[in-house]
């Protein structure tokens, strides 16, 4: 957990182990903490009521590092998408 927000929300960093499709989404829903906007695995609990938070999926790969030839790596970083930036503002994180 990076930061606790509102009454029942948290900003978390997740590090996938296997890279299997939907791994993070399934695991978070399974432990009762679905990712915001993930209606497929989190059902209605994945949507925030009472705040102006986008219903789009709030899952973002900030950084991906891929091993490459001769011990080198491909290291790619990406900024948060606009809907997640707006949600951070709404939650007072900016």
N, C-alpha and C. Protein backbone atom coordinates (compact mmCIF):
# COMPACT_ATOMS: atom_id res chain seq x y z
N UNK A 1 0.86 -1.18 0.00
CA UNK A 1 0.00 0.00 0.00
C UNK A 1 0.90 1.24 0.00
N UNK A 2 0.69 2.09 -0.97
CA UNK A 2 1.46 3.33 -1.06
C UNK A 2 0.76 4.42 -0.26
N UNK A 3 -0.57 4.46 -0.37
CA UNK A 3 -1.32 5.50 0.33
C UNK A 3 -2.76 5.04 0.55
N UNK A 4 -3.29 5.33 1.76
CA UNK A 4 -4.70 5.06 2.05
C UNK A 4 -5.50 6.29 1.66
N UNK A 5 -6.64 6.09 1.02
CA UNK A 5 -7.46 7.18 0.51
C UNK A 5 -8.91 7.01 0.93
N UNK A 6 -9.59 8.12 1.10
CA UNK A 6 -11.02 8.10 1.47
C UNK A 6 -11.24 7.10 2.61
N UNK A 7 -12.41 6.48 2.66
CA UNK A 7 -12.69 5.52 3.73
C UNK A 7 -12.29 4.10 3.37
N UNK A 8 -12.38 3.77 2.10
CA UNK A 8 -12.18 2.37 1.73
C UNK A 8 -11.31 2.18 0.49
N UNK A 9 -10.52 3.18 0.15
CA UNK A 9 -9.68 3.08 -1.04
C UNK A 9 -8.20 3.14 -0.67
N UNK A 10 -7.38 2.48 -1.48
CA UNK A 10 -5.93 2.54 -1.29
C UNK A 10 -5.27 2.62 -2.65
N UNK A 11 -4.14 3.32 -2.70
CA UNK A 11 -3.31 3.35 -3.90
C UNK A 11 -2.23 2.30 -3.64
N UNK A 12 -2.17 1.27 -4.49
CA UNK A 12 -1.23 0.17 -4.25
C UNK A 12 -0.30 -0.03 -5.44
N UNK A 13 0.85 -0.60 -5.15
CA UNK A 13 1.78 -1.01 -6.19
C UNK A 13 1.75 -2.53 -6.22
N UNK A 14 1.53 -3.07 -7.39
CA UNK A 14 1.47 -4.52 -7.56
C UNK A 14 2.58 -4.95 -8.51
N UNK A 15 3.23 -6.04 -8.18
CA UNK A 15 4.31 -6.55 -9.02
C UNK A 15 3.94 -7.97 -9.44
N UNK A 16 3.54 -8.15 -10.70
CA UNK A 16 3.14 -9.49 -11.14
C UNK A 16 4.33 -10.44 -11.16
N UNK A 17 4.06 -11.69 -10.80
CA UNK A 17 5.12 -12.70 -10.75
C UNK A 17 5.16 -13.50 -12.04
N UNK A 18 4.01 -13.96 -12.50
CA UNK A 18 3.98 -14.84 -13.66
C UNK A 18 3.71 -14.11 -14.97
N UNK A 19 3.10 -12.93 -14.87
CA UNK A 19 2.74 -12.22 -16.08
C UNK A 19 1.52 -12.81 -16.78
N UNK A 20 0.80 -13.68 -16.08
CA UNK A 20 -0.37 -14.31 -16.68
C UNK A 20 -1.48 -13.28 -16.87
N UNK A 21 -2.26 -13.45 -17.91
CA UNK A 21 -3.34 -12.54 -18.23
C UNK A 21 -4.29 -12.36 -17.05
N UNK A 22 -4.58 -11.15 -16.69
CA UNK A 22 -5.53 -10.77 -15.66
C UNK A 22 -5.11 -11.16 -14.24
N UNK A 23 -3.85 -11.59 -14.04
CA UNK A 23 -3.39 -12.05 -12.72
C UNK A 23 -3.70 -11.04 -11.62
N UNK A 24 -3.33 -9.79 -11.82
CA UNK A 24 -3.52 -8.78 -10.78
C UNK A 24 -5.00 -8.51 -10.52
N UNK A 25 -5.77 -8.47 -11.57
CA UNK A 25 -7.20 -8.20 -11.44
C UNK A 25 -7.90 -9.31 -10.66
N UNK A 26 -7.58 -10.54 -10.98
CA UNK A 26 -8.18 -11.69 -10.30
C UNK A 26 -7.78 -11.72 -8.83
N UNK A 27 -6.51 -11.55 -8.55
CA UNK A 27 -6.03 -11.62 -7.17
C UNK A 27 -6.63 -10.52 -6.30
N UNK A 28 -6.68 -9.30 -6.80
CA UNK A 28 -7.24 -8.21 -6.01
C UNK A 28 -8.72 -8.45 -5.72
N UNK A 29 -9.48 -8.90 -6.71
CA UNK A 29 -10.90 -9.19 -6.49
C UNK A 29 -11.06 -10.35 -5.51
N UNK A 30 -10.19 -11.34 -5.62
CA UNK A 30 -10.27 -12.52 -4.76
C UNK A 30 -10.10 -12.18 -3.28
N UNK A 31 -9.25 -11.20 -2.98
CA UNK A 31 -9.02 -10.82 -1.58
C UNK A 31 -9.99 -9.73 -1.11
N UNK A 32 -10.97 -9.39 -1.96
CA UNK A 32 -11.99 -8.44 -1.56
C UNK A 32 -11.63 -6.98 -1.78
N UNK A 33 -10.62 -6.73 -2.61
CA UNK A 33 -10.19 -5.37 -2.90
C UNK A 33 -10.05 -5.19 -4.41
N UNK A 34 -11.18 -5.18 -5.13
CA UNK A 34 -11.10 -5.08 -6.59
C UNK A 34 -10.51 -3.75 -7.04
N UNK A 35 -9.93 -3.78 -8.21
CA UNK A 35 -9.37 -2.57 -8.82
C UNK A 35 -10.53 -1.71 -9.30
N UNK A 36 -10.45 -0.41 -9.06
CA UNK A 36 -11.52 0.50 -9.47
C UNK A 36 -11.79 0.33 -10.97
N UNK A 37 -13.06 0.19 -11.29
CA UNK A 37 -13.48 0.08 -12.69
C UNK A 37 -13.43 -1.34 -13.24
N UNK A 38 -13.04 -2.32 -12.44
CA UNK A 38 -12.93 -3.69 -12.93
C UNK A 38 -14.20 -4.48 -12.64
N UNK A 39 -15.26 -4.16 -13.37
CA UNK A 39 -16.53 -4.84 -13.19
C UNK A 39 -16.48 -6.31 -13.55
N UNK A 40 -15.57 -6.70 -14.44
CA UNK A 40 -15.48 -8.11 -14.85
C UNK A 40 -15.13 -9.01 -13.67
N UNK A 41 -14.16 -8.63 -12.86
CA UNK A 41 -13.74 -9.46 -11.73
C UNK A 41 -14.24 -8.93 -10.39
N UNK A 42 -14.43 -7.62 -10.28
CA UNK A 42 -14.81 -7.03 -9.00
C UNK A 42 -16.29 -6.76 -8.83
N UNK A 43 -17.06 -6.94 -9.90
CA UNK A 43 -18.50 -6.69 -9.82
C UNK A 43 -18.80 -5.24 -9.46
N UNK A 44 -19.91 -5.02 -8.80
CA UNK A 44 -20.32 -3.66 -8.46
C UNK A 44 -19.42 -3.02 -7.41
N UNK A 45 -18.71 -3.84 -6.64
CA UNK A 45 -17.79 -3.30 -5.62
C UNK A 45 -16.60 -2.57 -6.24
N UNK A 46 -16.39 -2.73 -7.52
CA UNK A 46 -15.26 -2.10 -8.20
C UNK A 46 -15.56 -0.66 -8.62
N UNK A 47 -16.74 -0.17 -8.28
CA UNK A 47 -17.12 1.18 -8.69
C UNK A 47 -17.34 2.04 -7.45
N UNK A 48 -16.76 3.24 -7.48
CA UNK A 48 -16.82 4.16 -6.34
C UNK A 48 -18.08 4.99 -6.41
N UNK A 49 -18.80 5.02 -5.32
CA UNK A 49 -20.02 5.82 -5.24
C UNK A 49 -19.75 7.06 -4.40
N UNK A 50 -20.35 8.17 -4.77
CA UNK A 50 -20.24 9.38 -3.97
C UNK A 50 -19.05 10.26 -4.31
N UNK A 51 -18.19 9.82 -5.18
CA UNK A 51 -17.05 10.63 -5.63
C UNK A 51 -17.04 10.66 -7.15
N UNK A 52 -16.49 11.72 -7.71
CA UNK A 52 -16.43 11.85 -9.16
C UNK A 52 -15.23 11.07 -9.71
N UNK A 53 -15.27 9.75 -9.53
CA UNK A 53 -14.18 8.88 -9.99
C UNK A 53 -14.63 8.18 -11.26
N UNK A 54 -13.79 8.18 -12.27
CA UNK A 54 -14.10 7.51 -13.53
C UNK A 54 -14.39 6.03 -13.31
N UNK A 55 -15.29 5.49 -14.10
CA UNK A 55 -15.59 4.06 -14.01
C UNK A 55 -14.67 3.24 -14.90
N UNK A 56 -13.71 3.90 -15.56
CA UNK A 56 -12.73 3.17 -16.37
C UNK A 56 -11.78 2.40 -15.45
N UNK A 57 -11.20 1.35 -15.98
CA UNK A 57 -10.28 0.52 -15.21
C UNK A 57 -9.08 1.33 -14.74
N UNK A 58 -8.79 1.24 -13.45
CA UNK A 58 -7.68 1.97 -12.85
C UNK A 58 -6.50 1.03 -12.62
N UNK A 59 -6.00 0.48 -13.69
CA UNK A 59 -4.84 -0.41 -13.66
C UNK A 59 -3.87 0.12 -14.70
N UNK A 60 -2.63 0.34 -14.29
CA UNK A 60 -1.67 0.99 -15.17
C UNK A 60 -0.28 0.39 -14.97
N UNK A 61 0.36 0.03 -16.07
CA UNK A 61 1.75 -0.44 -16.01
C UNK A 61 2.65 0.78 -16.13
N UNK A 62 3.12 1.26 -14.98
CA UNK A 62 3.97 2.45 -14.95
C UNK A 62 5.33 2.18 -15.58
N UNK A 63 5.82 0.95 -15.38
CA UNK A 63 7.15 0.63 -15.88
C UNK A 63 7.22 -0.85 -16.23
N UNK A 64 7.84 -1.14 -17.36
CA UNK A 64 8.07 -2.52 -17.77
C UNK A 64 9.54 -2.65 -18.13
N UNK A 65 10.18 -3.65 -17.55
CA UNK A 65 11.59 -3.93 -17.83
C UNK A 65 11.66 -5.33 -18.45
N UNK A 66 12.24 -5.41 -19.64
CA UNK A 66 12.32 -6.68 -20.37
C UNK A 66 13.79 -7.03 -20.59
N UNK A 67 14.22 -8.20 -20.13
CA UNK A 67 15.60 -8.63 -20.41
C UNK A 67 15.81 -8.72 -21.92
N UNK A 68 16.99 -8.33 -22.38
CA UNK A 68 17.27 -8.30 -23.80
C UNK A 68 18.61 -8.97 -24.06
N UNK A 69 19.14 -8.79 -25.21
CA UNK A 69 20.39 -9.44 -25.62
C UNK A 69 21.59 -8.95 -24.82
N UNK A 70 22.55 -9.87 -24.60
CA UNK A 70 23.84 -9.55 -23.99
C UNK A 70 23.72 -8.85 -22.62
N UNK A 71 22.73 -9.26 -21.85
CA UNK A 71 22.56 -8.71 -20.52
C UNK A 71 21.92 -7.33 -20.47
N UNK A 72 21.56 -6.79 -21.60
CA UNK A 72 20.91 -5.48 -21.63
C UNK A 72 19.43 -5.64 -21.33
N UNK A 73 18.76 -4.52 -21.07
CA UNK A 73 17.34 -4.52 -20.77
C UNK A 73 16.64 -3.42 -21.55
N UNK A 74 15.40 -3.67 -21.85
CA UNK A 74 14.52 -2.63 -22.39
C UNK A 74 13.72 -2.12 -21.20
N UNK A 75 13.80 -0.84 -20.92
CA UNK A 75 13.16 -0.24 -19.76
C UNK A 75 12.22 0.86 -20.25
N UNK A 76 10.92 0.63 -20.14
CA UNK A 76 9.92 1.56 -20.65
C UNK A 76 9.06 2.08 -19.50
N UNK A 77 8.86 3.40 -19.46
CA UNK A 77 7.99 4.02 -18.45
C UNK A 77 6.88 4.78 -19.15
N UNK A 78 5.71 4.84 -18.50
CA UNK A 78 4.56 5.54 -19.08
C UNK A 78 3.84 6.35 -18.01
N UNK A 79 3.37 7.55 -18.36
CA UNK A 79 2.62 8.37 -17.40
C UNK A 79 1.22 7.79 -17.17
N UNK A 80 0.61 8.20 -16.08
CA UNK A 80 -0.77 7.79 -15.80
C UNK A 80 -1.70 8.30 -16.90
N UNK A 81 -2.71 7.50 -17.27
CA UNK A 81 -3.68 7.99 -18.24
C UNK A 81 -4.54 9.10 -17.60
N UNK A 82 -5.14 9.94 -18.43
CA UNK A 82 -5.92 11.08 -17.93
C UNK A 82 -6.99 10.72 -16.90
N UNK A 83 -7.72 9.63 -17.07
CA UNK A 83 -8.79 9.30 -16.11
C UNK A 83 -8.22 8.97 -14.73
N UNK A 84 -7.02 8.41 -14.68
CA UNK A 84 -6.41 8.12 -13.38
C UNK A 84 -5.81 9.38 -12.77
N UNK A 85 -5.29 10.27 -13.59
CA UNK A 85 -4.80 11.56 -13.09
C UNK A 85 -5.96 12.34 -12.46
N UNK A 86 -7.12 12.32 -13.13
CA UNK A 86 -8.30 13.02 -12.62
C UNK A 86 -8.77 12.40 -11.30
N UNK A 87 -8.74 11.09 -11.20
CA UNK A 87 -9.15 10.41 -9.97
C UNK A 87 -8.22 10.79 -8.81
N UNK A 88 -6.93 10.88 -9.08
CA UNK A 88 -5.97 11.29 -8.05
C UNK A 88 -6.30 12.69 -7.54
N UNK A 89 -6.66 13.59 -8.46
CA UNK A 89 -7.04 14.95 -8.05
C UNK A 89 -8.30 14.91 -7.18
N UNK A 90 -9.29 14.15 -7.62
CA UNK A 90 -10.55 14.04 -6.88
C UNK A 90 -10.31 13.51 -5.46
N UNK A 91 -9.32 12.64 -5.31
CA UNK A 91 -9.03 12.04 -4.01
C UNK A 91 -8.01 12.86 -3.20
N UNK A 92 -7.60 14.01 -3.74
CA UNK A 92 -6.68 14.89 -3.03
C UNK A 92 -5.24 14.41 -3.00
N UNK A 93 -4.85 13.64 -4.01
CA UNK A 93 -3.49 13.09 -4.05
C UNK A 93 -2.51 13.99 -4.79
N UNK A 94 -2.98 15.03 -5.45
CA UNK A 94 -2.09 15.88 -6.24
C UNK A 94 -1.94 17.22 -5.58
